[in-house]
C-alpha cells in the first residue's frame, strides 16, 4: 500500500501549495507571422566563423551585477572599422537571458547548459556608428552568470573577437544612458559551467524567444515559475 499512500501525500501537498495565490503582470511576448522574414541561404563566398576562431581572442568571463537575485541589463558598445561579411555570436546564461544587438533580438535561453547562437553579420554596423549589445538577464536561484563571445570577419578574412569582460556595464533597463561596472563571476572553463560553448547550441531562423504565429494570434506570459519554491512546471494544452 506504499504506492497509493505516496500518491495521496503528493496530491495533498499539491492542494496545499495551490491554495497560495501567485500573480504577476501579463507580458506580451515577441512574435512574427509564420513564414515571415525567413533567412536566405548563406552566400557561398561568406567565410564561416569556426568554434576555434570564436574563442581565439581574449577569453570571455562570466559576469553579473552585484546581486545574484536582481535582474539586470548587461551592456557593451563597440565599433567596426569595416563591414562584417560574417559574424557569429554565442551566449549562455545562468539562468535566463535575452540578447539584443542594435535593438534587434538575436539570441537567448533559459538553460545555461544549452548555449544559444546566431549569425549576426546583417545586424552589425560599421564606420562611425556604434554597435550596442544588451542582454536582459535574470537568475532563478543560486549562483548567477552570463558569458558571451562574438567573432566577425571583414573582407580581409581576419577574425576579430569581442567577449563578456569587465568593460561591460549593468543597468536596470535597456537604453540606459549610463551604467555601473559589472562583476566577475568566473572564468570561461571554470566550474560549475566549464566549457559550456562546447555543448550543442540551438540555432533557428527565428531568433530565440520569438514565436511564429498565424495572423491574429499573440502569446502572453502569464507566470514565471520560481523553481526553488514551486519546482518545474510543464503545461500542455491545445
Protein backbone atom coordinates (compact mmCIF):
# COMPACT_ATOMS: atom_id res chain seq x y z
CA UNK A 1 0.00 0.00 0.00
CA UNK A 2 3.00 2.31 -0.03
CA UNK A 3 2.46 3.48 -3.59
CA UNK A 4 -1.17 4.68 -3.13
CA UNK A 5 -0.16 6.34 0.15
CA UNK A 6 2.62 8.22 -1.65
CA UNK A 7 0.19 9.38 -4.33
CA UNK A 8 -2.21 10.67 -1.67
CA UNK A 9 0.58 12.58 0.05
CA UNK A 10 1.70 14.17 -3.22
CA UNK A 11 -1.88 15.09 -4.08
CA UNK A 12 -2.41 16.65 -0.66
CA UNK A 13 0.82 18.62 -1.00
CA UNK A 14 -0.31 19.91 -4.40
CA UNK A 15 -3.60 21.08 -2.95
CA UNK A 16 -1.83 22.92 -0.14
CA UNK A 17 0.53 24.73 -2.50
CA UNK A 18 -2.32 25.55 -4.88
CA UNK A 19 -4.12 27.48 -2.15
CA UNK A 20 -1.43 30.18 -2.21
CA UNK A 21 -2.16 32.69 -5.00
CA UNK A 22 0.65 33.72 -7.33
CA UNK A 23 0.11 36.59 -9.73
CA UNK A 24 2.18 38.79 -11.99
CA UNK A 25 1.59 41.29 -14.76
CA UNK A 26 0.83 39.68 -18.12
CA UNK A 27 3.67 40.24 -20.59
CA UNK A 28 3.12 40.23 -24.36
CA UNK A 29 5.84 38.12 -25.98
CA UNK A 30 7.72 38.91 -29.23
CA UNK A 31 6.19 37.24 -32.28
CA UNK A 32 6.19 37.35 -36.04
CA UNK A 33 3.84 35.93 -38.71
CA UNK A 34 4.60 32.35 -39.63
CA UNK A 35 6.99 32.16 -42.55
CA UNK A 36 7.87 35.86 -42.45
CA UNK A 37 11.44 37.09 -42.73
CA UNK A 38 12.84 33.65 -43.45
CA UNK A 39 16.62 33.65 -43.55
CA UNK A 40 18.01 33.42 -47.09
CA UNK A 41 20.52 30.75 -47.97
CA UNK A 42 24.03 31.85 -46.91
CA UNK A 43 26.24 33.19 -49.66
CA UNK A 44 28.86 30.65 -50.69
CA UNK A 45 31.62 33.26 -50.55
CA UNK A 46 30.93 34.27 -46.95
CA UNK A 47 33.68 32.91 -44.69
CA UNK A 48 32.47 30.83 -41.75
CA UNK A 49 33.31 31.55 -38.12
CA UNK A 50 34.58 28.36 -36.51
CA UNK A 51 34.49 27.47 -32.82
CA UNK A 52 38.24 27.94 -32.69
CA UNK A 53 38.02 31.42 -34.22
CA UNK A 54 35.19 32.37 -31.87
CA UNK A 55 37.44 31.82 -28.84
CA UNK A 56 40.80 32.67 -30.44
CA UNK A 57 40.93 36.13 -28.90
CA UNK A 58 40.59 37.15 -25.26
CA UNK A 59 38.83 34.52 -23.17
CA UNK A 60 35.34 35.53 -22.02
CA UNK A 61 34.46 35.65 -18.35
CA UNK A 62 31.16 35.10 -16.55
CA UNK A 63 29.72 38.45 -15.46
CA UNK A 64 26.73 39.79 -13.48
CA UNK A 65 25.60 42.73 -11.39
CA UNK A 66 26.29 42.94 -7.64
CA UNK A 67 23.22 40.91 -6.57
CA UNK A 68 22.56 37.34 -7.72
CA UNK A 69 18.81 37.71 -7.39
CA UNK A 70 18.37 41.03 -9.22
CA UNK A 71 17.51 41.42 -12.89
CA UNK A 72 19.97 43.43 -14.96
CA UNK A 73 20.62 44.68 -18.45
CA UNK A 74 24.27 43.99 -19.28
CA UNK A 75 25.61 46.34 -21.95
CA UNK A 76 28.60 46.76 -24.27
CA UNK A 77 29.17 49.22 -27.12
CA UNK A 78 31.80 48.84 -29.84
CA UNK A 79 32.70 49.96 -33.37
CA UNK A 80 33.65 48.07 -36.50
CA UNK A 81 36.11 49.87 -38.81
CA UNK A 82 34.95 47.80 -41.80
CA UNK A 83 31.73 45.98 -42.66
CA UNK A 84 31.44 42.39 -41.44
CA UNK A 85 30.92 39.74 -44.11
CA UNK A 86 30.42 37.02 -41.48
CA UNK A 87 29.70 37.17 -37.77
CA UNK A 88 28.76 34.63 -35.13
CA UNK A 89 27.58 35.14 -31.57
CA UNK A 90 27.35 32.54 -28.81
CA UNK A 91 25.92 33.06 -25.34
CA UNK A 92 24.98 31.24 -22.16
CA UNK A 93 23.29 32.49 -19.00
CA UNK A 94 22.60 31.05 -15.58
CA UNK A 95 19.63 31.15 -15.79
CA UNK A 96 17.63 33.34 -18.23
CA UNK A 97 18.71 35.88 -20.84
CA UNK A 98 17.58 37.70 -23.95
CA UNK A 99 20.29 39.27 -26.12
CA UNK A 100 19.75 42.30 -28.34
CA UNK A 101 22.16 43.62 -30.94
CA UNK A 102 21.43 47.15 -32.15
CA UNK A 103 17.89 46.80 -30.82
CA UNK A 104 17.19 43.51 -32.58
CA UNK A 105 16.59 40.37 -30.56
CA UNK A 106 19.19 37.83 -31.72
CA UNK A 107 19.62 35.16 -29.03
CA UNK A 108 18.54 33.96 -25.62
CA UNK A 109 17.84 30.97 -23.45
CA UNK A 110 16.57 29.57 -20.16
CA UNK A 111 19.09 26.76 -19.54
CA UNK A 112 22.78 27.58 -19.19
CA UNK A 113 23.75 24.07 -20.32
CA UNK A 114 22.29 24.85 -23.76
CA UNK A 115 24.10 27.86 -25.24
CA UNK A 116 22.34 29.94 -27.85
CA UNK A 117 24.00 31.18 -31.01
CA UNK A 118 23.17 33.32 -34.00
CA UNK A 119 24.64 34.61 -37.25
CA UNK A 120 24.61 38.39 -36.90
CA UNK A 121 26.59 39.83 -39.82
CA UNK A 122 23.45 41.50 -41.15
CA UNK A 123 22.80 43.24 -37.81
CA UNK A 124 26.24 44.77 -37.27
CA UNK A 125 27.02 48.31 -38.43
CA UNK A 126 30.42 49.72 -39.37
CA UNK A 127 32.15 53.06 -39.56
CA UNK A 128 31.37 55.79 -37.04
CA UNK A 129 28.18 54.14 -35.81
CA UNK A 130 28.34 52.26 -32.53
CA UNK A 131 27.09 48.72 -32.14
CA UNK A 132 25.13 48.13 -28.94
CA UNK A 133 24.95 44.72 -27.28
CA UNK A 134 22.38 44.43 -24.50
CA UNK A 135 21.42 41.34 -22.52
CA UNK A 136 18.42 41.20 -20.22
CA UNK A 137 19.40 38.65 -17.56
CA UNK A 138 17.66 37.09 -14.56
CA UNK A 139 18.56 34.38 -12.08
CA UNK A 140 16.34 31.60 -10.71
CA UNK A 141 18.26 30.82 -7.55
CA UNK A 142 21.86 30.02 -6.64
CA UNK A 143 24.85 31.37 -8.50
CA UNK A 144 24.32 33.76 -11.42
CA UNK A 145 26.42 34.35 -14.50
CA UNK A 146 26.40 35.45 -18.14
CA UNK A 147 29.01 34.68 -20.79
CA UNK A 148 29.20 35.79 -24.43
CA UNK A 149 31.59 35.50 -27.36
CA UNK A 150 31.23 37.34 -30.66
CA UNK A 151 33.53 37.00 -33.65
CA UNK A 152 33.35 38.63 -37.07
CA UNK A 153 35.31 38.81 -40.29
CA UNK A 154 35.69 41.71 -42.68
CA UNK A 155 36.67 41.39 -46.34
CA UNK A 156 40.29 40.63 -45.36
CA UNK A 157 39.11 37.39 -43.71
CA UNK A 158 40.88 38.06 -40.42
CA UNK A 159 38.64 37.22 -37.42
CA UNK A 160 38.13 39.73 -34.62
CA UNK A 161 36.54 38.96 -31.27
CA UNK A 162 34.52 40.62 -28.55
CA UNK A 163 33.71 38.82 -25.29
CA UNK A 164 31.98 39.38 -21.97
CA UNK A 165 34.51 41.02 -19.64
CA UNK A 166 34.85 43.77 -17.04
CA UNK A 167 34.41 46.53 -19.64
CA UNK A 168 30.67 45.75 -19.73
CA UNK A 169 28.21 47.72 -17.60
CA UNK A 170 24.94 46.88 -15.90
CA UNK A 171 21.74 48.91 -15.57
CA UNK A 172 18.12 48.30 -14.66
CA UNK A 173 16.68 48.78 -18.14
CA UNK A 174 17.64 48.77 -21.81
CA UNK A 175 18.79 52.03 -23.33
CA UNK A 176 20.02 53.46 -20.04
CA UNK A 177 22.25 56.50 -20.54
CA UNK A 178 24.85 55.13 -18.12
CA UNK A 179 25.58 52.01 -16.11
CA UNK A 180 27.76 50.57 -13.39
CA UNK A 181 30.70 48.18 -13.87
CA UNK A 182 29.82 44.50 -13.88
CA UNK A 183 31.31 41.94 -11.52
CA UNK A 184 33.35 38.87 -12.42
CA UNK A 185 31.69 35.56 -11.50
CA UNK A 186 34.22 33.18 -13.01
CA UNK A 187 36.47 32.49 -15.97
CA UNK A 188 35.39 30.56 -19.03
CA UNK A 189 36.17 26.88 -18.46
CA UNK A 190 35.86 27.09 -14.68
CA UNK A 191 33.20 25.25 -12.69
CA UNK A 192 30.33 24.88 -12.43
CA UNK A 193 29.84 25.91 -16.07
CA UNK A 194 33.11 24.56 -17.54
CA UNK A 195 33.49 24.88 -21.34
CA UNK A 196 29.79 25.42 -21.96
CA UNK A 197 30.26 26.64 -25.54
CA UNK A 198 31.39 23.12 -26.45
CA UNK A 199 27.82 21.95 -25.81
CA UNK A 200 25.41 21.78 -28.71
CA UNK A 201 23.81 25.15 -29.35
CA UNK A 202 20.32 25.82 -30.55
CA UNK A 203 20.04 27.63 -33.86
CA UNK A 204 16.96 28.76 -35.71
CA UNK A 205 15.98 31.11 -38.49
CA UNK A 206 13.67 32.69 -35.90
CA UNK A 207 15.53 34.43 -33.03
CA UNK A 208 15.34 32.74 -29.66
CA UNK A 209 12.28 33.77 -27.68
CA UNK A 210 10.33 34.89 -30.76
CA UNK A 211 7.19 32.93 -31.60
CA UNK A 212 5.90 32.18 -35.09
CA UNK A 213 2.14 32.67 -35.15
CA UNK A 214 -0.78 32.60 -37.53
CA UNK A 215 -2.33 36.02 -38.27
CA UNK A 216 -4.48 37.36 -35.45
CA UNK A 217 -2.77 35.43 -32.64
CA UNK A 218 -0.48 36.61 -29.85
CA UNK A 219 1.45 34.98 -26.99
CA UNK A 220 1.20 36.20 -23.41
CA UNK A 221 3.43 35.21 -20.50
CA UNK A 222 1.12 34.70 -17.52
CA UNK A 223 3.54 33.48 -14.87
CA UNK A 224 7.27 32.87 -14.37
CA UNK A 225 7.64 29.84 -12.10
CA UNK A 226 10.10 30.29 -9.18
CA UNK A 227 11.95 26.97 -9.38
CA UNK A 228 13.23 26.98 -5.80
CA UNK A 229 9.71 27.43 -4.45
CA UNK A 230 7.46 25.60 -6.90
CA UNK A 231 9.77 23.33 -8.88
CA UNK A 232 9.50 22.89 -12.64
CA UNK A 233 6.17 23.14 -14.43
CA UNK A 234 5.17 21.58 -17.72
CA UNK A 235 1.85 22.79 -19.15
CA UNK A 236 0.45 21.28 -22.35
CA UNK A 237 -2.74 22.48 -24.00
CA UNK A 238 -4.41 22.84 -27.38
